[in-house]
Amino acid sequence: MKYFLSVCLFALIGILPALAQDTPPSTHVFIPADNGSTIGFGIKNMGFNTKGSLSGLQGRIVFDAKNPAGASFDVSVDANTISTDNDMRDSHLKKEDYFDVANYPRIRFVSAGITPSGKNGSYTITGKLTIKNTTKDISFPFIAAPIGADYVFSGSFKINRRDFGIGGSSTISNELTVSLSVLATHSSH
């Protein structure tokens, strides 16, 4: 009987710390992979479509398709990596009147809530987008596609560049479309 009680006590001691954790289990923690992800944008410049991309993806994602309410995204990209395949334009976009990368090196998104949208694998995410020194609430649909132990999160949204103090030129459209395809690799931590 003493042996049985000892085994139960050790089992209970082993289980209690796991039950007391506030953070989700590590099986639902992912790291956004810069390699394999694309962060693209499109905007009209003098009536022509201009496309570009950003890289330097970093952050932490907690996601469990069975519990989307417990999910969280805290991801950012390196503003200095902005590329439109035009070195002169890219250099201008990095300056103070556009992205001011010297003072604001990262563009960051932090989720506030995630809800299923009715279709399997489709969700709506709300959160705060910070560009330069301005933070705005945004909401957009995304798809979570499992790939083995990893996920690809894809979606797109539109913002008004002037809301974030980006550029004063009147030849550029105010509306900017951002498209995301983020490979999130399973974290073993």
Foldseek 3Di string as FASTA:
>chain_A
DVVVVVVVVVVCVVVVVVVPDPDDDLLQKWWWDQVPKWKKKWWAFLNRIFIKTFTQKTWMWGDDLVCQFNIKTKMKTFLLRIDRPPVVVSVVCCPDQAQVCVQVGIWIWIWDGWDAPPDRQKIKTWTWIAGRHDIDIDIWMWGWDDDPSKTWIWTKDKDQRVNRSGHDDPRIHRIMMIIITIIIHRDPD
